């Protein structure tokens, strides 16, 4: 598996992965982020297994195909994003808090959700 920037031809697959993760995303915003170079995809044998959408340092969405979860794909996407863009910020629900904690995000409550910050020198291997 390798992580690379998404290309325009990847848009439908990226949206499919995000949809499978029950993440509401605006297709036009995803297209804009792909054009800006801030969408990363995890690819194996030509198939997109996961996607991370960022807007600046803010993670908008990260998702992995349901049958490939728990295999380090999400971790690889976040680590690649931190390597490329430095500090990352994410807002998320309680259910994915363990994922962000395992990556070294500093987490604080933010209303009924959580906000996490990952500083580049704190990213885990």
PDB file of N, CA and C in Angstrom:
ATOM      1  N   UNK A   1       0.840  -1.175   0.000  1.00  0.00           N
ATOM      2  CA  UNK A   1       0.000   0.000   0.000  1.00  0.00           C
ATOM      3  C   UNK A   1       0.881   1.234   0.000  1.00  0.00           C
ATOM      4  N   UNK A   2       0.464   2.235  -0.763  1.00  0.00           N
ATOM      5  CA  UNK A   2       1.176   3.518  -0.763  1.00  0.00           C
ATOM      6  C   UNK A   2       0.177   4.656  -0.647  1.00  0.00           C
ATOM      7  N   UNK A   3       0.651   5.780  -0.136  1.00  0.00           N
ATOM      8  CA  UNK A   3      -0.175   6.980  -0.004  1.00  0.00           C
ATOM      9  C   UNK A   3       0.337   7.989  -1.016  1.00  0.00           C
ATOM     10  N   UNK A   4      -0.595   8.579  -1.756  1.00  0.00           N
ATOM     11  CA  UNK A   4      -0.243   9.585  -2.749  1.00  0.00           C
ATOM     12  C   UNK A   4      -1.340  10.647  -2.801  1.00  0.00           C
ATOM     13  N   UNK A   5      -1.037  11.812  -3.396  1.00  0.00           N
ATOM     14  CA  UNK A   5      -2.084  12.811  -3.588  1.00  0.00           C
ATOM     15  C   UNK A   5      -3.140  12.270  -4.556  1.00  0.00           C
ATOM     16  N   UNK A   6      -4.387  12.610  -4.303  1.00  0.00           N
ATOM     17  CA  UNK A   6      -5.474  12.202  -5.197  1.00  0.00           C
ATOM     18  C   UNK A   6      -5.384  12.988  -6.492  1.00  0.00           C
ATOM     19  N   UNK A   7      -5.858  12.350  -7.558  1.00  0.00           N
ATOM     20  CA  UNK A   7      -5.933  12.982  -8.869  1.00  0.00           C
ATOM     21  C   UNK A   7      -7.404  13.181  -9.218  1.00  0.00           C
ATOM     22  N   UNK A   8      -7.672  14.026 -10.176  1.00  0.00           N
ATOM     23  CA  UNK A   8      -9.058  14.299 -10.578  1.00  0.00           C
ATOM     24  C   UNK A   8      -9.796  13.007 -10.901  1.00  0.00           C
ATOM     25  N   UNK A   9      -9.163  12.068 -11.534  1.00  0.00           N
ATOM     26  CA  UNK A   9      -9.798  10.795 -11.875  1.00  0.00           C
ATOM     27  C   UNK A   9     -10.151   9.939 -10.671  1.00  0.00           C
ATOM     28  N   UNK A  10      -9.644  10.300  -9.504  1.00  0.00           N
ATOM     29  CA  UNK A  10      -9.918   9.556  -8.263  1.00  0.00           C
ATOM     30  C   UNK A  10     -11.180  10.031  -7.556  1.00  0.00           C
ATOM     31  N   UNK A  11     -11.762  11.119  -8.007  1.00  0.00           N
ATOM     32  CA  UNK A  11     -12.844  11.769  -7.260  1.00  0.00           C
ATOM     33  C   UNK A  11     -13.989  10.819  -6.905  1.00  0.00           C
ATOM     34  N   UNK A  12     -14.477  10.040  -7.844  1.00  0.00           N
ATOM     35  CA  UNK A  12     -15.605   9.141  -7.562  1.00  0.00           C
ATOM     36  C   UNK A  12     -15.218   8.110  -6.505  1.00  0.00           C
ATOM     37  N   UNK A  13     -13.998   7.573  -6.576  1.00  0.00           N
ATOM     38  CA  UNK A  13     -13.560   6.597  -5.578  1.00  0.00           C
ATOM     39  C   UNK A  13     -13.393   7.236  -4.202  1.00  0.00           C
ATOM     40  N   UNK A  14     -12.859   8.452  -4.169  1.00  0.00           N
ATOM     41  CA  UNK A  14     -12.715   9.164  -2.891  1.00  0.00           C
ATOM     42  C   UNK A  14     -14.092   9.380  -2.273  1.00  0.00           C
ATOM     43  N   UNK A  15     -15.036   9.849  -3.065  1.00  0.00           N
ATOM     44  CA  UNK A  15     -16.388  10.067  -2.544  1.00  0.00           C
ATOM     45  C   UNK A  15     -17.015   8.759  -2.088  1.00  0.00           C
ATOM     46  N   UNK A  16     -16.751   7.668  -2.788  1.00  0.00           N
ATOM     47  CA  UNK A  16     -17.270   6.364  -2.387  1.00  0.00           C
ATOM     48  C   UNK A  16     -16.729   5.906  -1.046  1.00  0.00           C
ATOM     49  N   UNK A  17     -15.433   6.106  -0.833  1.00  0.00           N
ATOM     50  CA  UNK A  17     -14.816   5.726   0.448  1.00  0.00           C
ATOM     51  C   UNK A  17     -15.388   6.574   1.575  1.00  0.00           C
ATOM     52  N   UNK A  18     -15.523   7.873   1.346  1.00  0.00           N
ATOM     53  CA  UNK A  18     -16.075   8.752   2.375  1.00  0.00           C
ATOM     54  C   UNK A  18     -17.521   8.397   2.668  1.00  0.00           C
ATOM     55  N   UNK A  19     -18.284   8.091   1.639  1.00  0.00           N
ATOM     56  CA  UNK A  19     -19.679   7.696   1.822  1.00  0.00           C
ATOM     57  C   UNK A  19     -19.774   6.395   2.613  1.00  0.00           C
ATOM     58  N   UNK A  20     -18.901   5.440   2.322  1.00  0.00           N
ATOM     59  CA  UNK A  20     -18.902   4.165   3.053  1.00  0.00           C
ATOM     60  C   UNK A  20     -18.571   4.377   4.523  1.00  0.00           C
ATOM     61  N   UNK A  21     -17.856   5.464   4.828  1.00  0.00           N
ATOM     62  CA  UNK A  21     -17.535   5.805   6.210  1.00  0.00           C
ATOM     63  C   UNK A  21     -18.605   6.659   6.861  1.00  0.00           C
ATOM     64  N   UNK A  22     -19.729   6.831   6.179  1.00  0.00           N
ATOM     65  CA  UNK A  22     -20.853   7.635   6.681  1.00  0.00           C
ATOM     66  C   UNK A  22     -20.447   9.069   6.963  1.00  0.00           C
ATOM     67  N   UNK A  23     -19.538   9.603   6.138  1.00  0.00           N
ATOM     68  CA  UNK A  23     -19.091  10.978   6.292  1.00  0.00           C
ATOM     69  C   UNK A  23     -19.789  11.844   5.254  1.00  0.00           C
ATOM     70  N   UNK A  24     -20.504  12.847   5.730  1.00  0.00           N
ATOM     71  CA  UNK A  24     -21.182  13.767   4.826  1.00  0.00           C
ATOM     72  C   UNK A  24     -20.130  14.704   4.236  1.00  0.00           C
ATOM     73  N   UNK A  25     -19.999  14.675   2.921  1.00  0.00           N
ATOM     74  CA  UNK A  25     -19.041  15.549   2.256  1.00  0.00           C
ATOM     75  C   UNK A  25     -19.693  16.170   1.032  1.00  0.00           C
ATOM     76  N   UNK A  26     -19.301  17.365   0.736  1.00  0.00           N
ATOM     77  CA  UNK A  26     -19.783  18.079  -0.438  1.00  0.00           C
ATOM     78  C   UNK A  26     -18.891  17.694  -1.613  1.00  0.00           C
ATOM     79  N   UNK A  27     -19.444  17.073  -2.655  1.00  0.00           N
ATOM     80  CA  UNK A  27     -18.622  16.653  -3.798  1.00  0.00           C
ATOM     81  C   UNK A  27     -17.829  17.792  -4.432  1.00  0.00           C
ATOM     82  N   UNK A  28     -18.410  18.990  -4.473  1.00  0.00           N
ATOM     83  CA  UNK A  28     -17.684  20.129  -5.044  1.00  0.00           C
ATOM     84  C   UNK A  28     -16.488  20.509  -4.178  1.00  0.00           C
ATOM     85  N   UNK A  29     -16.670  20.450  -2.858  1.00  0.00           N
ATOM     86  CA  UNK A  29     -15.553  20.758  -1.952  1.00  0.00           C
ATOM     87  C   UNK A  29     -14.441  19.726  -2.112  1.00  0.00           C
ATOM     88  N   UNK A  30     -14.814  18.456  -2.245  1.00  0.00           N
ATOM     89  CA  UNK A  30     -13.805  17.407  -2.449  1.00  0.00           C
ATOM     90  C   UNK A  30     -13.052  17.666  -3.752  1.00  0.00           C
ATOM     91  N   UNK A  31     -13.762  18.033  -4.803  1.00  0.00           N
ATOM     92  CA  UNK A  31     -13.105  18.343  -6.077  1.00  0.00           C
ATOM     93  C   UNK A  31     -12.134  19.514  -5.925  1.00  0.00           C
ATOM     94  N   UNK A  32     -12.544  20.534  -5.184  1.00  0.00           N
ATOM     95  CA  UNK A  32     -11.666  21.683  -4.933  1.00  0.00           C
ATOM     96  C   UNK A  32     -10.421  21.271  -4.169  1.00  0.00           C
ATOM     97  N   UNK A  33     -10.596  20.408  -3.168  1.00  0.00           N
ATOM     98  CA  UNK A  33      -9.458  19.961  -2.366  1.00  0.00           C
ATOM     99  C   UNK A  33      -8.525  19.077  -3.195  1.00  0.00           C
ATOM    100  N   UNK A  34      -9.074  18.258  -4.079  1.00  0.00           N
ATOM    101  CA  UNK A  34      -8.222  17.458  -4.971  1.00  0.00           C
ATOM    102  C   UNK A  34      -7.394  18.389  -5.842  1.00  0.00           C
ATOM    103  N   UNK A  35      -8.030  19.390  -6.433  1.00  0.00           N
ATOM    104  CA  UNK A  35      -7.323  20.355  -7.282  1.00  0.00           C
ATOM    105  C   UNK A  35      -6.249  21.107  -6.500  1.00  0.00           C
ATOM    106  N   UNK A  36      -6.508  21.358  -5.214  1.00  0.00           N
ATOM    107  CA  UNK A  36      -5.545  22.069  -4.369  1.00  0.00           C
ATOM    108  C   UNK A  36      -4.422  21.158  -3.879  1.00  0.00           C
ATOM    109  N   UNK A  37      -4.562  19.855  -4.072  1.00  0.00           N
ATOM    110  CA  UNK A  37      -3.523  18.918  -3.642  1.00  0.00           C
ATOM    111  C   UNK A  37      -3.611  18.523  -2.185  1.00  0.00           C
ATOM    112  N   UNK A  38      -4.785  18.715  -1.564  1.00  0.00           N
ATOM    113  CA  UNK A  38      -4.904  18.396  -0.140  1.00  0.00           C
ATOM    114  C   UNK A  38      -5.837  17.213   0.123  1.00  0.00           C
ATOM    115  N   UNK A  39      -5.899  16.302  -0.835  1.00  0.00           N
ATOM    116  CA  UNK A  39      -6.563  15.022  -0.627  1.00  0.00           C
ATOM    117  C   UNK A  39      -5.523  13.941  -0.857  1.00  0.00           C
ATOM    118  N   UNK A  40      -5.381  13.076   0.121  1.00  0.00           N
ATOM    119  CA  UNK A  40      -4.463  11.944   0.004  1.00  0.00           C
ATOM    120  C   UNK A  40      -5.276  10.664  -0.099  1.00  0.00           C
ATOM    121  N   UNK A  41      -4.754   9.717  -0.860  1.00  0.00           N
ATOM    122  CA  UNK A  41      -5.406   8.419  -0.979  1.00  0.00           C
ATOM    123  C   UNK A  41      -4.398   7.319  -0.682  1.00  0.00           C
ATOM    124  N   UNK A  42      -4.897   6.258  -0.065  1.00  0.00           N
ATOM    125  CA  UNK A  42      -4.109   5.048   0.158  1.00  0.00           C
ATOM    126  C   UNK A  42      -4.510   4.076  -0.947  1.00  0.00           C
ATOM    127  N   UNK A  43      -3.519   3.613  -1.704  1.00  0.00           N
ATOM    128  CA  UNK A  43      -3.789   2.801  -2.885  1.00  0.00           C
ATOM    129  C   UNK A  43      -3.027   1.482  -2.804  1.00  0.00           C
ATOM    130  N   UNK A  44      -3.710   0.425  -3.193  1.00  0.00           N
ATOM    131  CA  UNK A  44      -3.081  -0.890  -3.277  1.00  0.00           C
ATOM    132  C   UNK A  44      -3.598  -1.563  -4.543  1.00  0.00           C
ATOM    133  N   UNK A  45      -2.684  -1.992  -5.384  1.00  0.00           N
ATOM    134  CA  UNK A  45      -3.037  -2.653  -6.646  1.00  0.00           C
ATOM    135  C   UNK A  45      -4.065  -1.853  -7.443  1.00  0.00           C
ATOM    136  N   UNK A  46      -3.885  -0.538  -7.470  1.00  0.00           N
ATOM    137  CA  UNK A  46      -4.751   0.333  -8.239  1.00  0.00           C
ATOM    138  C   UNK A  46      -6.093   0.655  -7.601  1.00  0.00           C
ATOM    139  N   UNK A  47      -6.367   0.131  -6.435  1.00  0.00           N
ATOM    140  CA  UNK A  47      -7.653   0.366  -5.761  1.00  0.00           C
ATOM    141  C   UNK A  47      -7.453   1.320  -4.590  1.00  0.00           C
ATOM    142  N   UNK A  48      -8.315   2.328  -4.498  1.00  0.00           N
ATOM    143  CA  UNK A  48      -8.262   3.275  -3.382  1.00  0.00           C
ATOM    144  C   UNK A  48      -8.908   2.629  -2.164  1.00  0.00           C
ATOM    145  N   UNK A  49      -8.111   2.505  -1.104  1.00  0.00           N
ATOM    146  CA  UNK A  49      -8.563   1.864   0.129  1.00  0.00           C
ATOM    147  C   UNK A  49      -9.003   2.867   1.180  1.00  0.00           C
ATOM    148  N   UNK A  50      -8.476   4.076   1.116  1.00  0.00           N
ATOM    149  CA  UNK A  50      -8.787   5.098   2.102  1.00  0.00           C
ATOM    150  C   UNK A  50      -8.487   6.468   1.538  1.00  0.00           C
ATOM    151  N   UNK A  51      -9.053   7.482   2.182  1.00  0.00           N
ATOM    152  CA  UNK A  51      -8.859   8.858   1.730  1.00  0.00           C
ATOM    153  C   UNK A  51      -8.842   9.804   2.920  1.00  0.00           C
ATOM    154  N   UNK A  52      -8.059  10.847   2.787  1.00  0.00           N
ATOM    155  CA  UNK A  52      -8.007  11.922   3.774  1.00  0.00           C
ATOM    156  C   UNK A  52      -8.183  13.222   3.013  1.00  0.00           C
ATOM    157  N   UNK A  53      -9.138  14.023   3.452  1.00  0.00           N
ATOM    158  CA  UNK A  53      -9.407  15.330   2.854  1.00  0.00           C
ATOM    159  C   UNK A  53      -9.013  16.384   3.874  1.00  0.00           C
ATOM    160  N   UNK A  54      -8.171  17.323   3.456  1.00  0.00           N
ATOM    161  CA  UNK A  54      -7.744  18.404   4.344  1.00  0.00           C
ATOM    162  C   UNK A  54      -8.043  19.750   3.696  1.00  0.00           C
ATOM    163  N   UNK A  55      -8.207  20.729   4.544  1.00  0.00           N
ATOM    164  CA  UNK A  55      -8.400  22.108   4.114  1.00  0.00           C
ATOM    165  C   UNK A  55      -7.410  22.908   4.945  1.00  0.00           C
ATOM    166  N   UNK A  56      -6.272  23.177   4.365  1.00  0.00           N
ATOM    167  CA  UNK A  56      -5.184  23.758   5.148  1.00  0.00           C
ATOM    168  C   UNK A  56      -4.687  22.715   6.133  1.00  0.00           C
ATOM    169  N   UNK A  57      -4.589  23.095   7.388  1.00  0.00           N
ATOM    170  CA  UNK A  57      -4.134  22.148   8.416  1.00  0.00           C
ATOM    171  C   UNK A  57      -5.284  21.358   9.039  1.00  0.00           C
ATOM    172  N   UNK A  58      -6.499  21.629   8.599  1.00  0.00           N
ATOM    173  CA  UNK A  58      -7.680  21.003   9.174  1.00  0.00           C
ATOM    174  C   UNK A  58      -8.069  19.749   8.404  1.00  0.00           C
ATOM    175  N   UNK A  59      -8.141  18.630   9.110  1.00  0.00           N
ATOM    176  CA  UNK A  59      -8.639  17.403   8.497  1.00  0.00           C
ATOM    177  C   UNK A  59     -10.150  17.530   8.394  1.00  0.00           C
ATOM    178  N   UNK A  60     -10.661  17.470   7.181  1.00  0.00           N
ATOM    179  CA  UNK A  60     -12.097  17.551   6.933  1.00  0.00           C
ATOM    180  C   UNK A  60     -12.714  16.165   7.069  1.00  0.00           C
ATOM    181  N   UNK A  61     -12.023  15.153   6.552  1.00  0.00           N
ATOM    182  CA  UNK A  61     -12.536  13.792   6.598  1.00  0.00           C
ATOM    183  C   UNK A  61     -11.389  12.813   6.403  1.00  0.00           C
ATOM    184  N   UNK A  62     -11.494  11.692   7.083  1.00  0.00           N
ATOM    185  CA  UNK A  62     -10.589  10.570   6.843  1.00  0.00           C
ATOM    186  C   UNK A  62     -11.431   9.303   6.956  1.00  0.00           C
ATOM    187  N   UNK A  63     -11.305   8.438   5.960  1.00  0.00           N
ATOM    188  CA  UNK A  63     -12.118   7.219   5.939  1.00  0.00           C
ATOM    189  C   UNK A  63     -11.360   6.098   5.245  1.00  0.00           C
ATOM    190  N   UNK A  64     -11.695   4.885   5.644  1.00  0.00           N
ATOM    191  CA  UNK A  64     -11.096   3.677   5.069  1.00  0.00           C
ATOM    192  C   UNK A  64     -12.246   2.735   4.716  1.00  0.00           C
ATOM    193  N   UNK A  65     -12.085   2.026   3.609  1.00  0.00           N
ATOM    194  CA  UNK A  65     -13.117   1.055   3.218  1.00  0.00           C
ATOM    195  C   UNK A  65     -13.413   0.140   4.409  1.00  0.00           C
ATOM    196  N   UNK A  66     -14.679  -0.138   4.676  1.00  0.00           N
ATOM    197  CA  UNK A  66     -15.049  -0.927   5.859  1.00  0.00           C
ATOM    198  C   UNK A  66     -14.312  -2.260   5.995  1.00  0.00           C
ATOM    199  N   UNK A  67     -14.095  -2.958   4.902  1.00  0.00           N
ATOM    200  CA  UNK A  67     -13.429  -4.261   4.995  1.00  0.00           C
ATOM    201  C   UNK A  67     -11.913  -4.158   5.161  1.00  0.00           C
ATOM    202  N   UNK A  68     -11.368  -2.941   5.174  1.00  0.00           N
ATOM    203  CA  UNK A  68      -9.924  -2.751   5.341  1.00  0.00           C
ATOM    204  C   UNK A  68      -9.577  -1.966   6.604  1.00  0.00           C
ATOM    205  N   UNK A  69     -10.558  -1.704   7.452  1.00  0.00           N
ATOM    206  CA  UNK A  69     -10.291  -0.972   8.694  1.00  0.00           C
ATOM    207  C   UNK A  69      -9.463  -1.818   9.644  1.00  0.00           C
ATOM    208  N   UNK A  70      -8.723  -1.152  10.505  1.00  0.00           N
ATOM    209  CA  UNK A  70      -7.901  -1.847  11.486  1.00  0.00           C
ATOM    210  C   UNK A  70      -6.597  -2.379  10.923  1.00  0.00           C
ATOM    211  N   UNK A  71      -6.220  -1.930   9.726  1.00  0.00           N
ATOM    212  CA  UNK A  71      -4.998  -2.416   9.079  1.00  0.00           C
ATOM    213  C   UNK A  71      -3.933  -1.332   8.950  1.00  0.00           C
ATOM    214  N   UNK A  72      -4.124  -0.201   9.630  1.00  0.00           N
ATOM    215  CA  UNK A  72      -3.126   0.866   9.609  1.00  0.00           C
ATOM    216  C   UNK A  72      -3.251   1.834   8.444  1.00  0.00           C
ATOM    217  N   UNK A  73      -4.309   1.721   7.658  1.00  0.00           N
ATOM    218  CA  UNK A  73      -4.472   2.592   6.495  1.00  0.00           C
ATOM    219  C   UNK A  73      -4.781   4.025   6.926  1.00  0.00           C
ATOM    220  N   UNK A  74      -5.700   4.198   7.856  1.00  0.00           N
ATOM    221  CA  UNK A  74      -6.014   5.534   8.365  1.00  0.00           C
ATOM    222  C   UNK A  74      -4.793   6.182   9.009  1.00  0.00           C
ATOM    223  N   UNK A  75      -4.063   5.390   9.774  1.00  0.00           N
ATOM    224  CA  UNK A  75      -2.824   5.873  10.405  1.00  0.00           C
ATOM    225  C   UNK A  75      -1.844   6.356   9.338  1.00  0.00           C
ATOM    226  N   UNK A  76      -1.673   5.568   8.278  1.00  0.00           N
ATOM    227  CA  UNK A  76      -0.751   5.949   7.205  1.00  0.00           C
ATOM    228  C   UNK A  76      -1.173   7.246   6.532  1.00  0.00           C
ATOM    229  N   UNK A  77      -2.463   7.428   6.331  1.00  0.00           N
ATOM    230  CA  UNK A  77      -2.958   8.661   5.724  1.00  0.00           C
ATOM    231  C   UNK A  77      -2.667   9.877   6.604  1.00  0.00           C
ATOM    232  N   UNK A  78      -2.959   9.761   7.893  1.00  0.00           N
ATOM    233  CA  UNK A  78      -2.733  10.894   8.808  1.00  0.00           C
ATOM    234  C   UNK A  78      -1.238  11.184   8.926  1.00  0.00           C
ATOM    235  N   UNK A  79      -0.424  10.163   9.024  1.00  0.00           N
ATOM    236  CA  UNK A  79       1.019  10.381   9.124  1.00  0.00           C
ATOM    237  C   UNK A  79       1.567  11.038   7.861  1.00  0.00           C
ATOM    238  N   UNK A  80       1.080  10.612   6.692  1.00  0.00           N
ATOM    239  CA  UNK A  80       1.513  11.241   5.441  1.00  0.00           C
ATOM    240  C   UNK A  80       1.083  12.709   5.396  1.00  0.00           C
ATOM    241  N   UNK A  81      -0.116  12.996   5.886  1.00  0.00           N
ATOM    242  CA  UNK A  81      -0.584  14.387   5.933  1.00  0.00           C
ATOM    243  C   UNK A  81       0.306  15.222   6.854  1.00  0.00           C
ATOM    244  N   UNK A  82       0.646  14.686   8.013  1.00  0.00           N
ATOM    245  CA  UNK A  82       1.514  15.416   8.952  1.00  0.00           C
ATOM    246  C   UNK A  82       2.897  15.642   8.341  1.00  0.00           C
ATOM    247  N   UNK A  83       3.406  14.650   7.629  1.00  0.00           N
ATOM    248  CA  UNK A  83       4.707  14.805   6.965  1.00  0.00           C
ATOM    249  C   UNK A  83       4.672  15.909   5.921  1.00  0.00           C
ATOM    250  N   UNK A  84       3.561  16.020   5.210  1.00  0.00           N
ATOM    251  CA  UNK A  84       3.439  17.004   4.133  1.00  0.00           C
ATOM    252  C   UNK A  84       3.109  18.401   4.638  1.00  0.00           C
ATOM    253  N   UNK A  85       2.178  18.483   5.593  1.00  0.00           N
ATOM    254  CA  UNK A  85       1.616  19.776   5.949  1.00  0.00           C
ATOM    255  C   UNK A  85       1.910  20.228   7.376  1.00  0.00           C
ATOM    256  N   UNK A  86       2.561  19.408   8.171  1.00  0.00           N
ATOM    257  CA  UNK A  86       2.877  19.817   9.537  1.00  0.00           C
ATOM    258  C   UNK A  86       1.713  19.630  10.480  1.00  0.00           C
ATOM    259  N   UNK A  87       1.459  20.635  11.300  1.00  0.00           N
ATOM    260  CA  UNK A  87       0.402  20.554  12.310  1.00  0.00           C
ATOM    261  C   UNK A  87      -0.941  20.235  11.664  1.00  0.00           C
ATOM    262  N   UNK A  88      -1.695  19.339  12.317  1.00  0.00           N
ATOM    263  CA  UNK A  88      -3.029  18.978  11.849  1.00  0.00           C
ATOM    264  C   UNK A  88      -4.048  19.208  12.960  1.00  0.00           C
ATOM    265  N   UNK A  89      -5.240  19.600  12.562  1.00  0.00           N
ATOM    266  CA  UNK A  89      -6.352  19.804  13.491  1.00  0.00           C
ATOM    267  C   UNK A  89      -7.525  18.967  12.995  1.00  0.00           C
ATOM    268  N   UNK A  90      -8.216  18.327  13.923  1.00  0.00           N
ATOM    269  CA  UNK A  90      -9.381  17.517  13.551  1.00  0.00           C
ATOM    270  C   UNK A  90     -10.488  17.713  14.573  1.00  0.00           C
ATOM    271  N   UNK A  91     -11.716  17.731  14.106  1.00  0.00           N
ATOM    272  CA  UNK A  91     -12.904  17.715  14.964  1.00  0.00           C
ATOM    273  C   UNK A  91     -13.587  16.382  14.721  1.00  0.00           C
ATOM    274  N   UNK A  92     -13.999  15.725  15.807  1.00  0.00           N
ATOM    275  CA  UNK A  92     -14.517  14.374  15.641  1.00  0.00           C
ATOM    276  C   UNK A  92     -15.437  13.990  16.786  1.00  0.00           C
ATOM    277  N   UNK A  93     -16.156  12.890  16.571  1.00  0.00           N
ATOM    278  CA  UNK A  93     -17.083  12.351  17.563  1.00  0.00           C
ATOM    279  C   UNK A  93     -16.363  11.390  18.510  1.00  0.00           C
ATOM    280  N   UNK A  94     -17.012  11.076  19.604  1.00  0.00           N
ATOM    281  CA  UNK A  94     -16.465  10.178  20.627  1.00  0.00           C
ATOM    282  C   UNK A  94     -16.011   8.834  20.049  1.00  0.00           C
ATOM    283  N   UNK A  95     -16.748   8.309  19.097  1.00  0.00           N
ATOM    284  CA  UNK A  95     -16.447   6.986  18.560  1.00  0.00           C
ATOM    285  C   UNK A  95     -15.083   6.844  17.921  1.00  0.00           C
ATOM    286  N   UNK A  96     -14.534   7.926  17.395  1.00  0.00           N
ATOM    287  CA  UNK A  96     -13.214   7.839  16.755  1.00  0.00           C
ATOM    288  C   UNK A  96     -12.108   8.462  17.612  1.00  0.00           C
ATOM    289  N   UNK A  97     -12.460   8.844  18.818  1.00  0.00           N
ATOM    290  CA  UNK A  97     -11.448   9.418  19.709  1.00  0.00           C
ATOM    291  C   UNK A  97     -10.251   8.484  19.912  1.00  0.00           C
ATOM    292  N   UNK A  98     -10.461   7.171  20.121  1.00  0.00           N
ATOM    293  CA  UNK A  98      -9.295   6.290  20.294  1.00  0.00           C
ATOM    294  C   UNK A  98      -8.333   6.310  19.099  1.00  0.00           C
ATOM    295  N   UNK A  99      -8.872   6.440  17.906  1.00  0.00           N
ATOM    296  CA  UNK A  99      -8.032   6.520  16.705  1.00  0.00           C
ATOM    297  C   UNK A  99      -7.114   7.738  16.792  1.00  0.00           C
ATOM    298  N   UNK A 100      -7.687   8.896  17.064  1.00  0.00           N
ATOM    299  CA  UNK A 100      -6.883  10.114  17.131  1.00  0.00           C
ATOM    300  C   UNK A 100      -5.920  10.086  18.323  1.00  0.00           C
ATOM    301  N   UNK A 101      -6.343   9.536  19.439  1.00  0.00           N
ATOM    302  CA  UNK A 101      -5.436   9.398  20.590  1.00  0.00           C
ATOM    303  C   UNK A 101      -4.235   8.524  20.232  1.00  0.00           C
ATOM    304  N   UNK A 102      -4.481   7.436  19.514  1.00  0.00           N
ATOM    305  CA  UNK A 102      -3.390   6.517  19.158  1.00  0.00           C
ATOM    306  C   UNK A 102      -2.365   7.170  18.241  1.00  0.00           C
ATOM    307  N   UNK A 103      -2.766   8.233  17.555  1.00  0.00           N
ATOM    308  CA  UNK A 103      -1.857   8.944  16.663  1.00  0.00           C
ATOM    309  C   UNK A 103      -1.107  10.072  17.364  1.00  0.00           C
ATOM    310  N   UNK A 104      -1.437  10.329  18.628  1.00  0.00           N
ATOM    311  CA  UNK A 104      -0.744  11.370  19.384  1.00  0.00           C
ATOM    312  C   UNK A 104      -1.412  12.727  19.363  1.00  0.00           C
ATOM    313  N   UNK A 105      -2.656  12.810  18.916  1.00  0.00           N
ATOM    314  CA  UNK A 105      -3.366  14.087  18.935  1.00  0.00           C
ATOM    315  C   UNK A 105      -3.605  14.513  20.376  1.00  0.00           C
ATOM    316  N   UNK A 106      -3.418  15.812  20.655  1.00  0.00           N
ATOM    317  CA  UNK A 106      -3.818  16.391  21.932  1.00  0.00           C
ATOM    318  C   UNK A 106      -5.301  16.683  21.797  1.00  0.00           C
ATOM    319  N   UNK A 107      -6.113  16.132  22.689  1.00  0.00           N
ATOM    320  CA  UNK A 107      -7.562  16.172  22.529  1.00  0.00           C
ATOM    321  C   UNK A 107      -8.229  16.941  23.655  1.00  0.00           C
ATOM    322  N   UNK A 108      -9.225  17.750  23.272  1.00  0.00           N
ATOM    323  CA  UNK A 108     -10.008  18.505  24.250  1.00  0.00           C
ATOM    324  C   UNK A 108     -11.473  18.497  23.809  1.00  0.00           C
ATOM    325  N   UNK A 109     -12.394  18.529  24.775  1.00  0.00           N
ATOM    326  CA  UNK A 109     -13.811  18.617  24.408  1.00  0.00           C
ATOM    327  C   UNK A 109     -14.086  19.912  23.653  1.00  0.00           C
ATOM    328  N   UNK A 110     -15.018  19.823  22.689  1.00  0.00           N
ATOM    329  CA  UNK A 110     -15.436  21.002  21.925  1.00  0.00           C
ATOM    330  C   UNK A 110     -16.938  20.877  21.707  1.00  0.00           C
ATOM    331  N   UNK A 111     -17.711  21.297  22.693  1.00  0.00           N
ATOM    332  CA  UNK A 111     -19.160  21.119  22.628  1.00  0.00           C
ATOM    333  C   UNK A 111     -19.508  19.651  22.775  1.00  0.00           C
ATOM    334  N   UNK A 112     -20.295  19.143  21.841  1.00  0.00           N
ATOM    335  CA  UNK A 112     -20.663  17.727  21.901  1.00  0.00           C
ATOM    336  C   UNK A 112     -19.702  16.854  21.095  1.00  0.00           C
ATOM    337  N   UNK A 113     -18.612  17.441  20.642  1.00  0.00           N
ATOM    338  CA  UNK A 113     -17.585  16.715  19.881  1.00  0.00           C
ATOM    339  C   UNK A 113     -16.242  16.914  20.570  1.00  0.00           C
ATOM    340  N   UNK A 114     -15.186  16.545  19.879  1.00  0.00           N
ATOM    341  CA  UNK A 114     -13.828  16.732  20.366  1.00  0.00           C
ATOM    342  C   UNK A 114     -13.013  17.435  19.294  1.00  0.00           C
ATOM    343  N   UNK A 115     -11.964  18.092  19.760  1.00  0.00           N
ATOM    344  CA  UNK A 115     -11.011  18.749  18.859  1.00  0.00           C
ATOM    345  C   UNK A 115      -9.638  18.211  19.212  1.00  0.00           C
ATOM    346  N   UNK A 116      -8.910  17.821  18.185  1.00  0.00           N
ATOM    347  CA  UNK A 116      -7.567  17.302  18.402  1.00  0.00           C
ATOM    348  C   UNK A 116      -6.556  18.053  17.566  1.00  0.00           C
ATOM    349  N   UNK A 117      -5.359  18.178  18.118  1.00  0.00           N
ATOM    350  CA  UNK A 117      -4.251  18.826  17.419  1.00  0.00           C
ATOM    351  C   UNK A 117      -3.070  17.868  17.444  1.00  0.00           C
ATOM    352  N   UNK A 118      -2.464  17.695  16.293  1.00  0.00           N
ATOM    353  CA  UNK A 118      -1.262  16.882  16.171  1.00  0.00           C
ATOM    354  C   UNK A 118      -0.124  17.783  15.735  1.00  0.00           C
ATOM    355  N   UNK A 119       0.887  17.842  16.562  1.00  0.00           N
ATOM    356  CA  UNK A 119       2.076  18.613  16.229  1.00  0.00           C
ATOM    357  C   UNK A 119       3.029  17.676  15.509  1.00  0.00           C
ATOM    358  N   UNK A 120       3.693  18.123  14.450  1.00  0.00           N
ATOM    359  CA  UNK A 120       4.519  17.237  13.621  1.00  0.00           C
ATOM    360  C   UNK A 120       5.523  16.392  14.383  1.00  0.00           C
ATOM    361  N   UNK A 121       6.167  16.946  15.397  1.00  0.00           N
ATOM    362  CA  UNK A 121       7.178  16.184  16.133  1.00  0.00           C
ATOM    363  C   UNK A 121       6.556  15.174  17.089  1.00  0.00           C
ATOM    364  N   UNK A 122       5.209  15.155  17.200  1.00  0.00           N
ATOM    365  CA  UNK A 122       4.538  14.211  18.081  1.00  0.00           C
ATOM    366  C   UNK A 122       3.886  13.062  17.314  1.00  0.00           C
ATOM    367  N   UNK A 123       3.976  13.095  15.975  1.00  0.00           N
ATOM    368  CA  UNK A 123       3.367  12.026  15.167  1.00  0.00           C
ATOM    369  C   UNK A 123       4.049  10.703  15.488  1.00  0.00           C
ATOM    370  N   UNK A 124       3.235   9.656  15.556  1.00  0.00           N
ATOM    371  CA  UNK A 124       3.772   8.342  15.870  1.00  0.00           C
ATOM    372  C   UNK A 124       4.196   7.635  14.605  1.00  0.00           C
ATOM    373  N   UNK A 125       5.012   6.621  14.762  1.00  0.00           N
ATOM    374  CA  UNK A 125       5.468   5.848  13.602  1.00  0.00           C
ATOM    375  C   UNK A 125       4.406   4.901  13.126  1.00  0.00           C
TER     376      UNK A 125
END
